[in-house]
Amino acid sequence: MWTHIEPLHAITYFHPRARAAHEAIGLRGYWRGYFAGRAAPLGPVDAAPVIAAFFTFAPPMVRRALPAVWQLATPEEALRARLTGAVQALAELTYELPEAHLAEAAELLETAATGADTAGRVLGAANAALPRGDYPLARLWQAATTLREHRGDGHVAALVAAGLDPVETLAFRVAGDMPAQHLLGRGWTEEQWADARTRLVARGWLTTDGVPTDAGRGGLRAVEDATDRAATRPWQALGPDRTDRLRELLDPIARACHTTIPPGNPIGLPTLPT
């Protein structure tokens, strides 16, 4: 289900209309819009909780954005901008789908999001507490975002439990299956990248040549399995039949969203099988 809900959320990072909505309220530059939009459900926070919750960004990079962005736009303005941009993008991408299709998808996805357990999940809880949208596309995007952040909170917990720090996590993904150019821009220094690779070699996750070992691949698989287990409750609440129906409804929407998401993207989102 992640491969079907993540594209709906991710358009806020890649679609021109989403970027334009942030710029219209003074959040010029990609990272201002990113940090303000994604952190806005938490309120006018300083950098510290965002460093913790977002996990993979170097602290100095976050501090350059927060709390300064709140001088440009309030969290309330950022929330309106991100939803406006997302709805405009989805409207452009799904104009051929019947309204009934979108309304049914929104209803089922909201039901799944309502079943998300938010204890210990800061971003998931903050998004779940936002008001319900007035129209199907707004409801659809907000529910997808709640479930996405709920899953992300669980993923961070799994990484922490596995003893991986943020830059080690990124360094291992770069050594494995993710394009380096998408992850090197998260504010870590060359020295920090090198130190992380050294720690991964000592841990037995990388060879001295920087190649993932069987132990490393198995360790990452265990993290992904733990993430999956932690993300199952919304789908258990929805039930198998309605989950299958929702996946059917989301499939054309997710495929349309993929047209704006680079194949080699920084969130590791694979294209849907044909």
Protein backbone atom coordinates (compact mmCIF):
# COMPACT_ATOMS: atom_id res chain seq x y z
CA MET A 1 0.00 0.00 0.00
CA TRP A 2 2.95 2.32 0.59
CA THR A 3 3.72 2.27 -3.13
CA HIS A 4 0.17 3.52 -3.75
CA ILE A 5 -0.09 6.21 -1.06
CA GLU A 6 3.43 7.65 -1.19
CA PRO A 7 3.03 9.04 -4.75
CA LEU A 8 -0.05 11.02 -3.65
CA HIS A 9 1.87 12.64 -0.82
CA ALA A 10 5.07 13.11 -2.82
CA ILE A 11 3.58 15.42 -5.43
CA THR A 12 3.94 18.20 -2.86
CA TYR A 13 7.72 17.88 -3.33
CA PHE A 14 7.84 17.48 -7.10
CA HIS A 15 4.84 19.04 -8.85
CA PRO A 16 5.24 22.65 -10.10
CA ARG A 17 1.85 23.67 -8.72
CA ALA A 18 2.87 22.60 -5.23
CA ARG A 19 6.11 24.59 -5.50
CA ALA A 20 4.20 27.62 -6.77
CA ALA A 21 1.75 27.49 -3.84
CA HIS A 22 4.64 27.69 -1.36
CA GLU A 23 6.34 30.48 -3.28
CA ALA A 24 3.08 32.46 -3.33
CA ILE A 25 3.25 32.86 0.46
CA GLY A 26 6.92 33.83 0.47
CA LEU A 27 8.55 30.41 0.84
CA ARG A 28 10.95 30.73 -2.07
CA GLY A 29 13.55 28.04 -2.55
CA TYR A 30 12.83 24.33 -2.37
CA TRP A 31 13.99 23.71 1.20
CA ARG A 32 12.02 26.57 2.76
CA GLY A 33 8.82 25.11 1.35
CA TYR A 34 9.82 21.59 2.32
CA PHE A 35 10.65 22.29 5.96
CA ALA A 36 7.77 24.73 6.49
CA GLY A 37 5.16 22.56 4.80
CA ARG A 38 6.15 19.29 6.40
CA ALA A 39 6.76 20.77 9.87
CA ALA A 40 3.67 23.00 9.89
CA PRO A 41 1.37 20.39 11.53
CA LEU A 42 3.65 20.62 14.60
CA GLY A 43 3.08 24.38 14.95
CA PRO A 44 5.77 27.11 15.03
CA VAL A 45 8.47 24.75 16.30
CA ASP A 46 12.18 25.38 16.58
CA ALA A 47 14.67 23.12 14.82
CA ALA A 48 15.16 20.51 17.57
CA PRO A 49 11.94 18.47 17.21
CA VAL A 50 12.20 18.61 13.42
CA ILE A 51 15.78 17.32 13.51
CA ALA A 52 14.50 14.40 15.58
CA ALA A 53 11.34 13.68 13.60
CA PHE A 54 12.70 14.13 10.05
CA PHE A 55 15.78 12.06 11.08
CA THR A 56 17.94 12.12 7.94
CA PHE A 57 18.80 15.83 7.74
CA ALA A 58 21.97 17.26 9.28
CA PRO A 59 21.11 19.54 12.22
CA PRO A 60 22.79 22.67 10.76
CA MET A 61 20.68 22.34 7.60
CA VAL A 62 17.46 22.23 9.62
CA ARG A 63 18.57 25.15 11.79
CA ARG A 64 19.10 27.28 8.68
CA ALA A 65 15.40 26.85 7.89
CA LEU A 66 13.79 26.76 11.32
CA PRO A 67 12.53 28.78 13.06
CA ALA A 68 13.34 31.45 10.43
CA VAL A 69 10.65 30.22 7.99
CA TRP A 70 7.93 31.22 10.46
CA GLN A 71 8.93 34.84 9.87
CA LEU A 72 7.99 34.33 6.21
CA ALA A 73 4.82 32.30 6.68
CA THR A 74 2.91 31.06 9.71
CA PRO A 75 2.28 27.32 10.11
CA GLU A 76 -1.38 27.96 9.28
CA GLU A 77 -0.39 29.65 6.01
CA ALA A 78 2.05 26.84 5.21
CA LEU A 79 -0.66 24.24 5.81
CA ARG A 80 -3.06 26.04 3.47
CA ALA A 81 -0.35 26.40 0.83
CA ARG A 82 0.70 22.76 0.88
CA LEU A 83 -2.91 21.55 0.67
CA THR A 84 -3.77 24.05 -2.08
CA GLY A 85 -0.76 23.03 -4.14
CA ALA A 86 -1.43 19.33 -3.63
CA VAL A 87 -5.09 19.63 -4.61
CA GLN A 88 -4.25 21.67 -7.71
CA ALA A 89 -1.65 19.09 -8.71
CA LEU A 90 -4.03 16.18 -8.15
CA ALA A 91 -6.79 17.96 -10.06
CA GLU A 92 -4.45 18.34 -13.03
CA LEU A 93 -3.33 14.71 -12.82
CA THR A 94 -6.73 13.06 -12.25
CA TYR A 95 -9.08 15.15 -14.38
CA GLU A 96 -10.05 12.11 -16.46
CA LEU A 97 -11.21 10.10 -13.43
CA PRO A 98 -14.91 10.26 -12.43
CA GLU A 99 -15.76 12.19 -9.28
CA ALA A 100 -17.31 9.03 -7.81
CA HIS A 101 -13.96 7.24 -8.20
CA LEU A 102 -12.13 9.95 -6.28
CA ALA A 103 -14.82 10.20 -3.60
CA GLU A 104 -14.79 6.45 -2.94
CA ALA A 105 -10.99 6.42 -2.78
CA ALA A 106 -11.01 9.33 -0.33
CA GLU A 107 -13.61 7.66 1.88
CA LEU A 108 -11.67 4.39 2.09
CA LEU A 109 -8.32 6.09 2.58
CA GLU A 110 -9.76 8.24 5.37
CA THR A 111 -11.10 5.11 7.03
CA ALA A 112 -7.64 3.57 6.94
CA ALA A 113 -6.08 6.76 8.31
CA THR A 114 -8.61 6.83 11.15
CA GLY A 115 -7.36 3.38 12.12
CA ALA A 116 -3.76 4.56 12.43
CA ASP A 117 -2.36 4.23 15.95
CA THR A 118 -0.53 7.48 16.69
CA ALA A 119 1.06 6.78 20.08
CA GLY A 120 4.79 7.47 19.73
CA ARG A 121 4.32 8.79 16.17
CA VAL A 122 4.78 12.53 16.25
CA LEU A 123 4.32 13.40 12.58
CA GLY A 124 1.55 10.87 12.09
CA ALA A 125 -0.34 12.21 15.09
CA ALA A 126 0.09 15.85 14.08
CA ASN A 127 -1.28 15.19 10.60
CA ALA A 128 -4.11 13.01 11.89
CA ALA A 129 -5.25 15.92 14.08
CA LEU A 130 -5.68 18.33 11.16
CA PRO A 131 -9.24 19.21 10.04
CA ARG A 132 -10.80 17.02 7.38
CA GLY A 133 -10.80 18.51 3.89
CA ASP A 134 -13.97 19.75 2.24
CA TYR A 135 -13.51 18.05 -1.12
CA PRO A 136 -12.47 14.52 -2.22
CA LEU A 137 -9.00 15.51 -3.48
CA ALA A 138 -8.21 17.41 -0.27
CA ARG A 139 -9.43 14.48 1.81
CA LEU A 140 -7.50 12.03 -0.33
CA TRP A 141 -4.21 13.92 -0.04
CA GLN A 142 -4.55 14.54 3.69
CA ALA A 143 -5.33 10.88 4.43
CA ALA A 144 -2.41 9.76 2.26
CA THR A 145 -0.13 12.20 4.09
CA THR A 146 -1.28 11.02 7.51
CA LEU A 147 -0.61 7.39 6.58
CA ARG A 148 2.71 8.29 4.99
CA GLU A 149 3.95 10.10 8.08
CA HIS A 150 2.58 7.34 10.31
CA ARG A 151 4.64 4.83 8.38
CA GLY A 152 7.66 7.14 8.42
CA ASP A 153 7.51 7.48 12.20
CA GLY A 154 7.57 3.71 12.46
CA HIS A 155 10.49 3.52 10.06
CA VAL A 156 12.52 5.96 12.16
CA ALA A 157 11.74 3.89 15.25
CA ALA A 158 12.97 0.75 13.46
CA LEU A 159 16.21 2.48 12.42
CA VAL A 160 16.82 3.70 15.96
CA ALA A 161 16.14 0.22 17.35
CA ALA A 162 18.64 -1.20 14.85
CA GLY A 163 21.29 1.21 16.14
CA LEU A 164 21.58 3.19 12.91
CA ASP A 165 22.09 6.94 13.01
CA PRO A 166 20.85 9.23 10.21
CA VAL A 167 24.06 9.51 8.18
CA GLU A 168 24.79 5.77 8.51
CA THR A 169 21.32 5.08 7.15
CA LEU A 170 21.90 7.32 4.15
CA ALA A 171 25.42 6.03 3.54
CA PHE A 172 24.21 2.44 3.43
CA ARG A 173 21.42 3.29 0.99
CA VAL A 174 23.88 5.12 -1.26
CA ALA A 175 26.20 2.10 -1.16
CA GLY A 176 23.29 -0.09 -2.14
CA ASP A 177 20.43 0.99 -4.35
CA MET A 178 19.84 4.75 -4.16
CA PRO A 179 21.40 7.45 -6.36
CA ALA A 180 23.95 9.40 -4.34
CA GLN A 181 23.05 12.79 -5.80
CA HIS A 182 19.61 12.69 -4.17
CA LEU A 183 20.89 12.05 -0.65
CA LEU A 184 24.14 14.02 -0.54
CA GLY A 185 22.22 17.29 -0.31
CA ARG A 186 20.94 16.70 3.22
CA GLY A 187 23.63 18.77 4.88
CA TRP A 188 26.16 16.17 6.06
CA THR A 189 29.84 16.96 5.56
CA GLU A 190 32.29 14.80 3.63
CA GLU A 191 33.94 13.92 6.93
CA GLN A 192 30.62 12.78 8.40
CA TRP A 193 29.90 10.65 5.32
CA ALA A 194 33.36 9.06 5.56
CA ASP A 195 33.00 8.41 9.29
CA ALA A 196 29.62 6.79 8.72
CA ARG A 197 31.06 4.46 6.07
CA THR A 198 33.88 3.55 8.47
CA ARG A 199 31.34 2.65 11.16
CA LEU A 200 29.37 0.54 8.70
CA VAL A 201 32.55 -1.35 7.74
CA ALA A 202 33.30 -1.97 11.42
CA ARG A 203 29.73 -3.16 11.91
CA GLY A 204 30.11 -5.62 9.04
CA TRP A 205 27.48 -3.97 6.86
CA LEU A 206 29.94 -2.74 4.21
CA THR A 207 33.14 -4.20 2.81
CA THR A 208 36.26 -2.05 2.87
CA ASP A 209 35.45 -1.27 -0.78
CA GLY A 210 32.07 0.13 0.27
CA VAL A 211 29.94 -2.77 -1.01
CA PRO A 212 26.97 -3.95 1.11
CA THR A 213 27.56 -7.31 2.75
CA ASP A 214 25.02 -10.07 3.30
CA ALA A 215 24.83 -8.97 6.93
CA GLY A 216 24.13 -5.40 5.87
CA ARG A 217 21.46 -6.37 3.38
CA GLY A 218 19.88 -8.63 5.99
CA GLY A 219 20.00 -5.87 8.58
CA LEU A 220 18.26 -3.42 6.25
CA ARG A 221 15.67 -6.06 5.37
CA ALA A 222 14.97 -6.50 9.08
CA VAL A 223 14.42 -2.74 9.41
CA GLU A 224 12.03 -2.76 6.45
CA ASP A 225 10.15 -5.76 7.86
CA ALA A 226 9.80 -4.00 11.22
CA THR A 227 8.54 -0.90 9.39
CA ASP A 228 5.94 -2.99 7.58
CA ARG A 229 4.76 -4.62 10.80
CA ALA A 230 4.44 -1.25 12.49
CA ALA A 231 2.38 0.07 9.58
CA THR A 232 -0.19 -2.73 9.37
CA ARG A 233 -2.87 -1.57 11.82
CA PRO A 234 -4.64 0.88 9.47
CA TRP A 235 -4.98 -1.87 6.86
CA GLN A 236 -6.13 -4.41 9.43
CA ALA A 237 -8.80 -1.92 10.47
CA LEU A 238 -9.86 -1.43 6.86
CA GLY A 239 -9.94 -5.17 6.19
CA PRO A 240 -8.66 -7.16 3.22
CA ASP A 241 -11.61 -6.63 0.88
CA ARG A 242 -11.76 -2.86 1.29
CA THR A 243 -7.95 -2.65 1.16
CA ASP A 244 -7.97 -4.49 -2.17
CA ARG A 245 -10.69 -2.16 -3.44
CA LEU A 246 -8.73 0.88 -2.29
CA ARG A 247 -5.57 -0.34 -4.03
CA GLU A 248 -7.60 -0.75 -7.23
CA LEU A 249 -8.94 2.81 -6.91
CA LEU A 250 -5.54 4.30 -6.06
CA ASP A 251 -3.68 2.60 -8.87
CA PRO A 252 -4.53 5.08 -11.68
CA ILE A 253 -4.07 8.02 -9.29
CA ALA A 254 -0.64 6.80 -8.16
CA ARG A 255 0.42 6.17 -11.75
CA ALA A 256 -0.61 9.70 -12.73
CA CYS A 257 1.39 11.09 -9.78
CA HIS A 258 4.43 9.11 -10.89
CA THR A 259 4.58 11.18 -14.08
CA THR A 260 5.91 14.08 -11.94
CA ILE A 261 8.20 12.02 -9.67
CA PRO A 262 11.74 11.25 -10.90
CA PRO A 263 12.48 7.50 -11.22
CA GLY A 264 15.66 7.96 -9.17
CA ASN A 265 14.06 9.92 -6.35
CA PRO A 266 15.28 10.69 -2.80
CA ILE A 267 12.43 8.76 -1.14
CA GLY A 268 13.27 5.41 -2.72
CA LEU A 269 9.84 5.16 -4.32
CA PRO A 270 9.77 2.49 -7.03
CA THR A 271 7.60 2.78 -10.12
CA LEU A 272 4.48 0.64 -10.09
CA PRO A 273 4.66 -2.59 -12.11
CA THR A 274 2.82 -2.58 -15.42
